[in-house]
Amino acid sequence: MFYDMPKLECPFEKDENYKVIPKIKEEYKWIFTDEAIAVEKLDGTNVSVQVLNRRPSAIMNRLNPIDIWQKGNARFLSGVVNSIEKSYFIPTLLIDNIYFGELIGEKIQGNPYQLNGTLWLPFDNIMEKYRYKFWNGFVKENTGKTDEEIFNSVSELFKGLWSLCKRSRGIIFEQPIADTTFTGSAAEGIVFYRKGSETDYIKCCKLRRDMFDWFRGKQHKGKIE
């Protein structure tokens, strides 16, 4: 039976306008330790694939089953097929299970990665390809600081956060640090995984650029997660 990937929470508290404030939630303080793995949050839509008898048997967008015969749904199927073609997802090597990932490309969030067609990236592949290796150094620099000091450091970091996915595709050009849109080379945000619990999504959390009060671009509200 299909189950939905748990909604990832934010590591900071929020105000009445749903913007983050300088208070780290107790249960997510581990993201500022060497237990954290920081991975780019891709700007797509959450899609899962069910594998039965080592074959893809169903595709879901959250809890919505994808009928490949229905007009407009070819992008989901082609995204999974392209993932298999690129050996990002090899069902015959996997145990029967539900595998979560991000579908990116044409007709999805404005296609910020400038793909031809669509591509479904399993989360374990995203962790491998788009991990922010600077995070451990950032954590060391902020060890022992107050919540407010850490918050200010994170805020400045996110203003200039580059997308590793866009860089890998050659989408690179300078943009002012005050440019707070998702255009250009900016990343949408970071998903934090806890070492040893990478597949336990309940223990993950996310932080997006549009959660900060300095953000003036397209808001996440109303978008498909």
Foldseek 3Di string as FASTA:
>chain_A
DDAFQDDFAAQADADPVLAGDLHGDPLQPCCLDPQKWKFFDAQFFKKKFFADPLHTDWIARGPHTQDCVDPPRVLVVVQDVVCVVVVQDRSNVDDGDMFMWGKAAPPTPNRQLPDDGIHTHTPVRRSVQGIDPCSNVLSVVCPPHGSNVNVVVVLQCQLPAFGSSSVVSVQADDDDSLPQAPHGGHTQWIKMDGPPCNVVSVSIHIDGNLSHPSHDYDHPPPHRD
